[in-house]
């Protein structure tokens, strides 16, 4: 499902969080909102989700104005930095929760729920932990369960707010590669917020760089590294101090993604 935000503005008192931002998110694309703390990226994500109301502007989902619709009506999956799993529920019940609280007319049968949750746990490769509680899981396992729970209700859009920010560096690298592969399999329109330049360049199809509530540049990893649009982009991506090595590394990561896509298309042709 495609997403458009048109002339979005949002203030908190005198602080301008989003300043006349317009963006298109094509269907099936994984987009990173990248920038420093306070640049407006999380606020924009929450406006898209319906967790915050814009002061002005519109949010369109598949061409339909959703600006005044409740978060439940937008059918988005949301994954937070700190998992937000229910501590008193085991893994299976956490993933099943969104299905079990649906209105009676929309709620699947318990047999259908068990089948769907089993499939999702297989998808995130954690079916063997179905009976465990969140306190018995590692940080990486908790985040994968949180993602499975978000996917259980079959959202039209997946929104991730610093999904790996609470994890150590090694686990973060493993999970972002896993997220990229998962997205390639599901093709669900996804937007994730991060302040980690390497994470954004490696995982996303496109990067939206934000600063002080405005969009500084939009492009692929290769485009933003090779042709930074502003001095802020060059500084934030460390291109002035680490140009050649950083550029080469970004190109190789981006090229590796292109090769994986080409190989997958060749196999399915």
Protein backbone atom coordinates (compact mmCIF):
# COMPACT_ATOMS: atom_id res chain seq x y z
CA UNK A 1 0.00 0.00 0.00
CA UNK A 2 1.32 3.44 -0.92
CA UNK A 3 1.57 6.26 1.62
CA UNK A 4 1.63 9.99 0.96
CA UNK A 5 2.11 12.80 3.44
CA UNK A 6 1.23 16.23 2.12
CA UNK A 7 2.39 19.48 3.74
CA UNK A 8 2.47 18.03 7.25
CA UNK A 9 3.10 20.49 10.09
CA UNK A 10 3.35 19.67 13.78
CA UNK A 11 4.30 21.85 16.76
CA UNK A 12 4.74 21.10 20.44
CA UNK A 13 4.33 24.53 22.00
CA UNK A 14 6.92 26.74 20.33
CA UNK A 15 8.95 23.78 19.09
CA UNK A 16 8.49 22.95 15.40
CA UNK A 17 8.67 19.15 15.14
CA UNK A 18 7.62 18.85 11.48
CA UNK A 19 7.88 21.76 9.08
CA UNK A 20 5.77 21.42 5.91
CA UNK A 21 6.92 17.90 5.01
CA UNK A 22 5.63 16.15 1.87
CA UNK A 23 6.74 12.60 1.01
CA UNK A 24 5.68 9.62 -1.08
CA UNK A 25 6.27 6.06 0.15
CA UNK A 26 5.70 3.64 -2.76
CA UNK A 27 3.93 0.35 -2.14
CA UNK A 28 6.21 -2.47 -1.03
CA UNK A 29 9.20 -0.24 -0.32
CA UNK A 30 11.33 -0.20 2.84
CA UNK A 31 12.16 3.41 3.69
CA UNK A 32 14.44 4.72 6.44
CA UNK A 33 13.74 8.01 8.19
CA UNK A 34 17.26 9.02 9.23
CA UNK A 35 18.45 11.95 11.30
CA UNK A 36 19.63 13.18 14.69
CA UNK A 37 17.50 13.28 17.83
CA UNK A 38 14.80 15.92 17.62
CA UNK A 39 14.76 16.11 13.82
CA UNK A 40 11.08 15.07 13.58
CA UNK A 41 11.46 11.52 12.27
CA UNK A 42 9.61 9.77 15.12
CA UNK A 43 6.90 12.43 15.18
CA UNK A 44 6.35 11.93 11.45
CA UNK A 45 6.10 8.17 11.96
CA UNK A 46 3.52 8.67 14.72
CA UNK A 47 1.50 11.03 12.52
CA UNK A 48 1.43 8.38 9.78
CA UNK A 49 0.33 5.77 12.32
CA UNK A 50 -2.42 7.96 13.77
CA UNK A 51 -0.75 8.13 17.19
CA UNK A 52 -0.28 11.90 16.77
CA UNK A 53 -2.47 14.44 14.98
CA UNK A 54 -0.82 16.86 12.58
CA UNK A 55 -1.63 20.54 13.02
CA UNK A 56 -2.12 20.75 9.26
CA UNK A 57 -1.58 18.63 6.18
CA UNK A 58 -2.86 15.25 5.04
CA UNK A 59 -1.94 11.57 5.32
CA UNK A 60 -3.12 9.46 2.37
CA UNK A 61 -3.16 5.66 2.49
CA UNK A 62 -3.51 4.12 -0.96
CA UNK A 63 -4.78 7.49 -2.21
CA UNK A 64 -7.50 7.84 0.46
CA UNK A 65 -7.35 10.62 3.04
CA UNK A 66 -6.75 9.00 6.43
CA UNK A 67 -5.84 12.20 8.29
CA UNK A 68 -8.86 12.09 10.60
CA UNK A 69 -9.12 8.31 11.02
CA UNK A 70 -8.28 6.52 14.27
CA UNK A 71 -5.14 4.40 14.51
CA UNK A 72 -7.27 1.21 14.53
CA UNK A 73 -8.86 2.15 11.23
CA UNK A 74 -5.49 2.72 9.54
CA UNK A 75 -4.49 -0.93 10.06
CA UNK A 76 -0.81 -0.31 10.69
CA UNK A 77 1.62 -2.57 12.50
CA UNK A 78 3.86 -0.71 14.95
CA UNK A 79 7.12 -1.99 16.46
CA UNK A 80 8.68 0.07 19.24
CA UNK A 81 12.26 0.26 20.46
CA UNK A 82 11.45 -1.37 23.79
CA UNK A 83 9.43 -4.36 22.55
CA UNK A 84 6.20 -3.58 24.52
CA UNK A 85 5.52 -7.28 25.08
CA UNK A 86 3.07 -8.33 27.79
CA UNK A 87 5.19 -9.76 30.61
CA UNK A 88 2.39 -11.98 31.98
CA UNK A 89 1.81 -13.67 28.58
CA UNK A 90 3.98 -16.28 26.92
CA UNK A 91 5.34 -15.81 23.41
CA UNK A 92 2.41 -17.54 21.73
CA UNK A 93 -0.21 -15.44 23.55
CA UNK A 94 1.72 -12.22 22.88
CA UNK A 95 1.65 -12.88 19.13
CA UNK A 96 -2.01 -13.96 19.26
CA UNK A 97 -3.14 -10.95 21.28
CA UNK A 98 -4.08 -8.67 18.37
CA UNK A 99 -6.18 -11.41 16.79
CA UNK A 100 -8.00 -12.31 20.00
CA UNK A 101 -9.07 -8.73 20.77
CA UNK A 102 -10.59 -8.10 17.34
CA UNK A 103 -14.34 -7.40 17.24
CA UNK A 104 -16.28 -10.66 17.38
CA UNK A 105 -17.38 -10.48 13.74
CA UNK A 106 -13.79 -10.05 12.54
CA UNK A 107 -12.14 -12.41 15.02
CA UNK A 108 -10.73 -15.66 13.62
CA UNK A 109 -11.57 -18.95 15.30
CA UNK A 110 -9.13 -20.23 17.92
CA UNK A 111 -7.98 -22.92 15.48
CA UNK A 112 -7.26 -20.25 12.84
CA UNK A 113 -5.42 -18.16 15.41
CA UNK A 114 -3.24 -21.10 16.45
CA UNK A 115 -2.41 -21.85 12.83
CA UNK A 116 -1.56 -18.23 12.02
CA UNK A 117 0.57 -17.72 15.13
CA UNK A 118 2.42 -20.95 14.38
CA UNK A 119 3.19 -19.71 10.87
CA UNK A 120 4.43 -16.35 12.19
CA UNK A 121 6.68 -17.98 14.77
CA UNK A 122 8.11 -20.11 11.98
CA UNK A 123 8.61 -16.95 9.92
CA UNK A 124 10.66 -15.25 12.65
CA UNK A 125 12.40 -18.58 13.37
CA UNK A 126 11.32 -18.74 17.02
CA UNK A 127 8.62 -21.43 17.11
CA UNK A 128 10.65 -23.32 19.72
CA UNK A 129 10.08 -20.45 22.18
CA UNK A 130 6.27 -20.43 22.00
CA UNK A 131 5.83 -21.32 25.70
CA UNK A 132 8.51 -18.96 27.05
CA UNK A 133 7.82 -15.63 28.73
CA UNK A 134 9.45 -12.33 27.70
CA UNK A 135 11.76 -12.38 30.73
CA UNK A 136 13.23 -15.64 29.41
CA UNK A 137 14.15 -14.18 26.00
CA UNK A 138 17.16 -12.27 24.74
CA UNK A 139 16.71 -8.73 23.43
CA UNK A 140 16.93 -9.88 19.83
CA UNK A 141 14.36 -12.61 20.42
CA UNK A 142 11.96 -10.15 22.07
CA UNK A 143 12.19 -7.80 19.12
CA UNK A 144 11.45 -10.58 16.64
CA UNK A 145 8.43 -11.59 18.72
CA UNK A 146 7.27 -7.95 18.75
CA UNK A 147 7.55 -7.94 14.96
CA UNK A 148 5.57 -11.19 14.69
CA UNK A 149 2.84 -9.68 16.88
CA UNK A 150 2.69 -6.60 14.64
CA UNK A 151 2.36 -8.81 11.54
CA UNK A 152 -0.35 -11.04 13.06
CA UNK A 153 -3.16 -8.61 12.27
CA UNK A 154 -2.04 -8.39 8.62
CA UNK A 155 -1.30 -4.65 8.63
CA UNK A 156 -1.28 -2.68 5.41
CA UNK A 157 1.81 -0.82 6.62
CA UNK A 158 4.63 -1.72 9.00
CA UNK A 159 6.13 1.13 11.04
CA UNK A 160 9.25 0.60 13.15
CA UNK A 161 10.51 3.19 15.64
CA UNK A 162 14.24 2.63 16.36
CA UNK A 163 13.53 -1.14 16.38
CA UNK A 164 17.12 -2.13 17.19
CA UNK A 165 18.11 0.82 19.36
CA UNK A 166 18.01 -1.10 22.66
CA UNK A 167 20.22 -3.95 21.39
CA UNK A 168 23.97 -4.37 21.41
CA UNK A 169 25.95 -3.76 18.20
CA UNK A 170 26.39 -7.41 17.20
CA UNK A 171 22.70 -8.29 17.62
CA UNK A 172 21.71 -5.09 15.79
CA UNK A 173 23.75 -6.09 12.74
CA UNK A 174 22.27 -9.59 12.72
CA UNK A 175 18.70 -8.33 13.06
CA UNK A 176 18.91 -5.67 10.39
CA UNK A 177 20.10 -8.25 7.85
CA UNK A 178 17.25 -10.49 8.98
CA UNK A 179 14.74 -7.61 8.62
CA UNK A 180 15.92 -6.95 5.06
CA UNK A 181 15.42 -10.62 4.12
CA UNK A 182 12.01 -10.69 5.80
CA UNK A 183 10.91 -7.58 3.92
CA UNK A 184 12.06 -9.12 0.63
CA UNK A 185 9.78 -12.09 1.37
CA UNK A 186 6.72 -10.12 2.54
CA UNK A 187 6.90 -6.96 0.36
CA UNK A 188 4.90 -4.98 2.93
CA UNK A 189 5.26 -1.19 2.79
CA UNK A 190 7.59 -0.41 5.70
CA UNK A 191 9.03 2.73 7.29
CA UNK A 192 11.62 2.61 10.01
CA UNK A 193 13.15 5.37 12.10
CA UNK A 194 16.85 5.31 12.95
CA UNK A 195 19.71 7.63 13.83
CA UNK A 196 22.25 4.98 12.73
CA UNK A 197 23.67 5.91 9.31
CA UNK A 198 25.04 2.45 8.57
CA UNK A 199 21.75 0.80 9.49
CA UNK A 200 19.75 3.08 7.19
CA UNK A 201 22.13 2.69 4.24
CA UNK A 202 22.35 -1.08 4.55
CA UNK A 203 18.70 -2.00 5.11
CA UNK A 204 16.51 0.46 3.21
CA UNK A 205 15.47 0.86 -0.40
CA UNK A 206 15.45 4.62 0.11
CA UNK A 207 16.70 6.97 2.80
CA UNK A 208 14.91 10.16 3.90
CA UNK A 209 17.35 12.41 5.77
CA UNK A 210 15.68 14.85 8.16
CA UNK A 211 16.95 17.82 10.14
CA UNK A 212 15.06 20.36 12.26
CA UNK A 213 11.69 19.15 11.06
CA UNK A 214 12.54 19.34 7.36
CA UNK A 215 13.59 16.84 4.70
CA UNK A 216 17.19 17.45 3.61
CA UNK A 217 17.46 14.68 0.98
CA UNK A 218 15.69 11.60 -0.37
CA UNK A 219 17.47 8.86 -2.29
CA UNK A 220 19.01 5.42 -2.38
CA UNK A 221 22.06 4.66 -0.27
CA UNK A 222 24.26 5.21 -3.29
CA UNK A 223 22.61 8.51 -4.21
CA UNK A 224 22.86 10.12 -0.78
CA UNK A 225 26.49 9.02 -0.35
CA UNK A 226 27.68 9.95 -3.84
CA UNK A 227 25.70 13.18 -4.15
CA UNK A 228 24.87 14.67 -0.73
CA UNK A 229 22.36 17.45 -1.34
CA UNK A 230 23.38 19.67 1.59
CA UNK A 231 26.28 20.23 3.95
CA UNK A 232 24.16 18.70 6.72
CA UNK A 233 23.87 15.43 4.78
CA UNK A 234 27.61 15.32 4.13
CA UNK A 235 28.39 16.01 7.79
CA UNK A 236 25.78 13.63 9.20
CA UNK A 237 27.00 10.78 6.99
CA UNK A 238 30.64 11.57 7.88
CA UNK A 239 31.48 12.04 4.21
CA UNK A 240 33.93 14.87 4.87
CA UNK A 241 36.14 12.84 7.22
CA UNK A 242 35.58 9.33 5.91
CA UNK A 243 34.71 9.91 2.25
CA UNK A 244 36.59 7.20 0.32
CA UNK A 245 36.23 4.32 2.81
CA UNK A 246 32.65 5.18 3.77
CA UNK A 247 31.67 5.62 0.13
CA UNK A 248 33.22 2.29 -0.85
CA UNK A 249 31.58 0.47 2.06
CA UNK A 250 28.17 1.98 1.29
CA UNK A 251 28.52 1.10 -2.39
CA UNK A 252 29.46 -2.48 -1.55
CA UNK A 253 26.51 -2.85 0.82
CA UNK A 254 24.14 -1.37 -1.74
CA UNK A 255 25.64 -3.47 -4.53
CA UNK A 256 25.29 -6.59 -2.39
CA UNK A 257 21.59 -5.84 -1.98
CA UNK A 258 21.18 -5.34 -5.75
CA UNK A 259 22.90 -8.67 -6.43
CA UNK A 260 20.63 -10.46 -3.95
CA UNK A 261 17.56 -8.99 -5.62
CA UNK A 262 18.83 -9.91 -9.11
CA UNK A 263 19.57 -13.46 -8.01
CA UNK A 264 16.11 -13.83 -6.46
CA UNK A 265 14.44 -12.50 -9.62
CA UNK A 266 16.50 -14.89 -11.74
CA UNK A 267 15.39 -17.88 -9.64
CA UNK A 268 11.72 -16.92 -9.84
CA UNK A 269 11.74 -16.05 -13.56
